[in-house]
Protein backbone atom coordinates (compact mmCIF):
# COMPACT_ATOMS: atom_id res chain seq x y z
CA MET A 1 0.08 -0.12 -0.07
CA GLN A 2 3.06 2.26 0.38
CA GLY A 3 3.47 2.08 -3.25
CA ILE A 4 -0.14 3.27 -3.74
CA SER A 5 0.44 6.19 -1.65
CA ARG A 6 3.77 7.14 -3.38
CA ALA A 7 2.00 6.89 -6.74
CA VAL A 8 -0.56 9.50 -5.74
CA ARG A 9 1.04 12.74 -6.67
CA SER A 10 -0.43 16.15 -5.90
CA CYS A 11 -2.85 17.72 -8.40
CA GLN A 12 -0.56 20.78 -8.80
CA GLU A 13 2.40 18.60 -9.69
CA ILE A 14 0.58 16.68 -12.37
CA LEU A 15 -1.19 19.50 -14.07
CA LYS A 16 2.29 21.59 -14.06
CA ALA A 17 4.25 18.68 -15.44
CA ALA A 18 1.50 18.02 -18.26
CA ALA A 19 1.48 21.75 -19.19
CA LEU A 20 5.21 21.96 -19.46
CA ASP A 21 5.30 18.88 -21.69
CA HIS A 22 2.53 20.07 -23.98
CA PRO A 23 3.99 21.31 -27.34
CA HIS A 24 1.35 24.21 -27.43
CA GLY A 25 2.11 25.40 -23.98
CA ARG A 26 1.08 29.05 -23.43
CA GLY A 27 4.21 30.20 -21.37
CA ILE A 28 5.19 30.12 -17.66
CA ALA A 29 2.61 32.73 -16.58
CA ARG A 30 -0.19 30.50 -17.78
CA ILE A 31 1.51 27.32 -16.27
CA GLU A 32 1.57 28.89 -13.02
CA LYS A 33 -2.10 29.74 -13.37
CA LEU A 34 -2.65 26.00 -13.44
CA GLY A 35 -1.56 25.97 -9.65
CA SER A 36 -5.18 26.85 -8.72
CA THR A 37 -6.46 23.67 -10.18
CA CYS A 38 -10.13 22.48 -9.79
CA LYS A 39 -11.38 26.18 -9.85
CA TRP A 40 -12.20 26.09 -13.57
CA VAL A 41 -15.52 24.40 -12.98
CA SER A 42 -17.38 24.63 -9.74
CA SER A 43 -18.64 21.06 -9.61
CA PRO A 44 -19.15 19.54 -6.22
CA ALA A 45 -17.72 16.21 -7.56
CA LEU A 46 -14.54 17.67 -8.70
CA LYS A 47 -13.14 20.05 -6.00
CA GLY A 48 -9.55 19.18 -5.66
CA LEU A 49 -7.92 16.43 -3.38
CA GLU A 50 -7.09 18.90 -0.57
CA ASN A 51 -10.97 19.45 -0.21
CA VAL A 52 -12.11 15.83 -0.67
CA THR A 53 -13.15 14.22 2.77
CA VAL A 54 -14.21 10.88 3.93
CA GLU A 55 -17.80 12.06 4.07
CA ASP A 56 -17.54 12.59 0.36
CA VAL A 57 -16.40 9.05 -0.17
CA LEU A 58 -19.26 7.76 2.06
CA THR A 59 -21.68 9.72 0.05
CA ASN A 60 -20.52 8.18 -3.22
CA LYS A 61 -20.61 4.85 -1.90
CA ASN A 62 -24.20 5.46 -0.69
CA ASP A 63 -24.40 2.44 1.54
CA GLY A 64 -24.67 3.99 4.88
CA THR A 65 -24.71 1.80 7.96
CA GLY A 66 -26.50 -1.23 8.84
CA PRO A 67 -26.44 -4.63 10.37
CA TRP A 68 -24.33 -5.81 7.39
CA LEU A 69 -21.41 -3.53 8.55
CA TRP A 70 -21.10 -4.94 12.20
CA CYS A 71 -21.38 -7.89 14.30
CA HIS A 72 -21.01 -8.54 18.24
CA THR A 73 -18.31 -9.83 20.48
CA ASP A 74 -20.32 -12.86 21.41
CA ASP A 75 -21.17 -13.82 17.66
CA THR A 76 -19.41 -16.80 16.37
CA VAL A 77 -16.75 -16.17 13.88
CA ILE A 78 -18.44 -18.38 11.20
CA ASP A 79 -21.50 -16.07 11.31
CA ALA A 80 -19.23 -12.86 11.04
CA VAL A 81 -17.53 -14.53 8.05
CA LYS A 82 -20.59 -15.36 6.42
CA ASN A 83 -21.83 -11.86 6.90
CA MET A 84 -18.73 -10.51 5.26
CA ALA A 85 -19.03 -13.08 2.30
CA LYS A 86 -22.61 -12.21 1.70
CA ASN A 87 -22.09 -8.45 1.54
CA ASN A 88 -18.81 -8.64 -0.22
CA ILE A 89 -16.85 -6.74 2.39
CA GLY A 90 -13.59 -7.51 4.10
CA SER A 91 -14.19 -6.35 7.65
CA LEU A 92 -16.75 -5.85 10.31
CA VAL A 93 -16.95 -3.44 13.22
CA VAL A 94 -17.33 -5.31 16.37
CA LEU A 95 -19.80 -4.08 18.92
CA GLU A 96 -20.48 -4.83 22.50
CA PRO A 97 -23.81 -6.61 23.29
CA GLY A 98 -26.48 -4.32 24.50
CA GLU A 99 -28.53 -1.35 23.42
CA GLN A 100 -25.72 1.17 23.64
CA GLN A 101 -23.60 -0.63 20.91
CA TYR A 102 -20.29 0.46 22.15
CA ILE A 103 -17.43 -0.29 19.60
CA ALA A 104 -15.31 -3.00 20.97
CA GLY A 105 -13.08 -3.40 18.00
CA ILE A 106 -12.85 -4.96 14.39
CA ILE A 107 -12.67 -8.14 12.73
CA THR A 108 -10.99 -8.62 9.33
CA GLU A 109 -10.37 -11.35 6.75
CA ARG A 110 -6.69 -11.11 7.95
CA ASP A 111 -7.90 -11.95 11.47
CA TYR A 112 -9.72 -14.88 10.19
CA LEU A 113 -6.80 -16.18 8.25
CA ARG A 114 -4.30 -15.71 10.85
CA LYS A 115 -6.11 -16.64 13.98
CA ILE A 116 -8.56 -19.35 12.80
CA VAL A 117 -7.34 -20.99 9.59
CA ALA A 118 -3.49 -20.75 10.22
CA GLN A 119 -4.03 -22.02 14.01
CA ASP A 120 -6.53 -24.71 12.90
CA ARG A 121 -9.27 -23.34 15.12
CA SER A 122 -12.97 -23.83 14.66
CA PRO A 123 -14.90 -20.72 13.46
CA ILE A 124 -18.03 -22.53 14.64
CA TYR A 125 -17.11 -22.45 18.37
CA THR A 126 -14.75 -19.34 18.42
CA ARG A 127 -16.28 -16.00 19.31
CA VAL A 128 -15.41 -12.86 17.45
CA GLY A 129 -14.29 -11.23 20.69
CA GLU A 130 -11.52 -13.82 20.90
CA ILE A 131 -9.83 -12.99 17.56
CA MET A 132 -10.77 -9.32 16.85
CA THR A 133 -8.52 -6.33 16.98
CA ASN A 134 -9.47 -4.70 20.20
CA GLU A 135 -10.89 -1.07 20.37
CA ASN A 136 -7.68 0.35 22.10
CA LYS A 137 -5.73 -0.71 18.87
CA LEU A 138 -8.49 0.26 16.62
CA ILE A 139 -7.65 3.14 14.02
CA THR A 140 -10.65 5.34 13.03
CA VAL A 141 -11.32 8.41 11.17
CA THR A 142 -14.07 11.07 11.32
CA SER A 143 -16.29 12.20 8.32
CA ASP A 144 -14.29 15.45 8.02
CA THR A 145 -10.97 13.68 7.62
CA ASN A 146 -9.21 14.59 4.33
CA ILE A 147 -8.90 11.78 2.00
CA LEU A 148 -5.12 12.01 1.56
CA GLN A 149 -4.78 11.92 5.34
CA ALA A 150 -6.93 8.77 5.44
CA MET A 151 -4.84 7.19 2.74
CA GLN A 152 -1.65 8.10 4.74
CA LEU A 153 -3.12 6.64 7.84
CA MET A 154 -3.98 3.45 6.17
CA THR A 155 -0.70 2.91 4.40
CA GLU A 156 1.48 3.84 7.51
CA ASN A 157 -0.48 1.31 9.57
CA GLN A 158 -0.76 -1.29 6.82
CA ILE A 159 -4.52 -1.53 7.21
CA ARG A 160 -7.17 -1.82 4.55
CA HIS A 161 -10.32 -0.88 6.40
CA VAL A 162 -11.08 1.98 8.64
CA PRO A 163 -14.40 2.65 10.50
CA VAL A 164 -15.71 6.23 10.23
CA VAL A 165 -16.74 7.39 13.86
CA ASP A 166 -18.48 10.67 14.62
CA GLY A 167 -19.44 9.99 18.13
CA LYS A 168 -20.97 6.87 16.70
CA LEU A 169 -20.33 4.52 13.93
CA VAL A 170 -21.38 6.22 10.43
CA GLY A 171 -19.64 4.09 8.05
CA MET A 172 -16.53 2.11 6.85
CA ILE A 173 -14.11 3.13 4.21
CA SER A 174 -11.45 0.67 2.47
CA ILE A 175 -8.18 1.55 0.77
CA LYS A 176 -10.02 0.66 -2.51
CA ASP A 177 -12.57 3.47 -1.83
CA VAL A 178 -9.76 5.83 -1.09
CA VAL A 179 -7.78 5.14 -4.23
CA ARG A 180 -10.89 5.33 -6.42
CA ALA A 181 -11.67 8.71 -5.03
CA VAL A 182 -8.18 9.93 -5.70
CA VAL A 183 -8.05 8.47 -9.27
CA GLU A 184 -11.48 10.00 -9.99
CA GLN A 185 -10.35 13.39 -8.85
CA GLN A 186 -7.09 13.40 -10.75
CA SER A 187 -8.60 11.83 -13.98
CA GLY A 188 -11.24 14.86 -13.86
CA GLU A 189 -8.37 17.31 -13.28
CA LEU A 190 -6.25 16.02 -16.07
CA LYS A 191 -9.38 16.15 -18.33
CA GLN A 192 -9.94 19.74 -17.44
CA LEU A 193 -6.24 20.41 -18.13
CA ASN A 194 -6.67 18.97 -21.74
CA GLN A 195 -9.53 21.35 -22.20
CA TYR A 196 -7.64 24.24 -20.88
CA ILE A 197 -4.67 23.58 -23.34
CA ARG A 198 -7.08 23.33 -26.13
CA GLY A 199 -8.38 26.80 -25.31
CA GLU A 200 -11.75 25.87 -23.82
CA TYR A 201 -10.79 27.62 -20.66
CA TYR A 202 -9.54 31.37 -20.44
């Protein structure tokens, strides 16, 4: 994942490099103007990586929260894994039993492989609370966390899933969600650069 993080260059660098390489560049003054990227079109979907937040990613996913996103410490591992497989997700937030639904940790595919399969334990008789990553080691973000900060957090800690917590659980993002958001932003900005060079922006 560190390779992914290094591959994500800033919008300003991409646009400036592209403008310098273009055979019909308009000169240094116009190239420097490219530094203020994403201001050519006031589209909410294309607003520059420095302004994209985790909330934007969750909105685009449009899957919200629900029972498919969590399990409980006293659930069996086999039930948790079936939930992940059914909903095509790689992790579940683990909640304490009871109405308060306090976050107890997270269980991931990696936990299952390392702590069940590799140790030849039974997922039928093992409880989620026995193999989960505990809450005190759990890494979370908030909905207003910048997308690049979220990516850095995930790559530095070598994790692929991060719960989004604003006082309570509001969603989950994966490294795939983050990379997709970055690529979409940069692709849109490069498209605007192409239009700019062709004279469609003044």
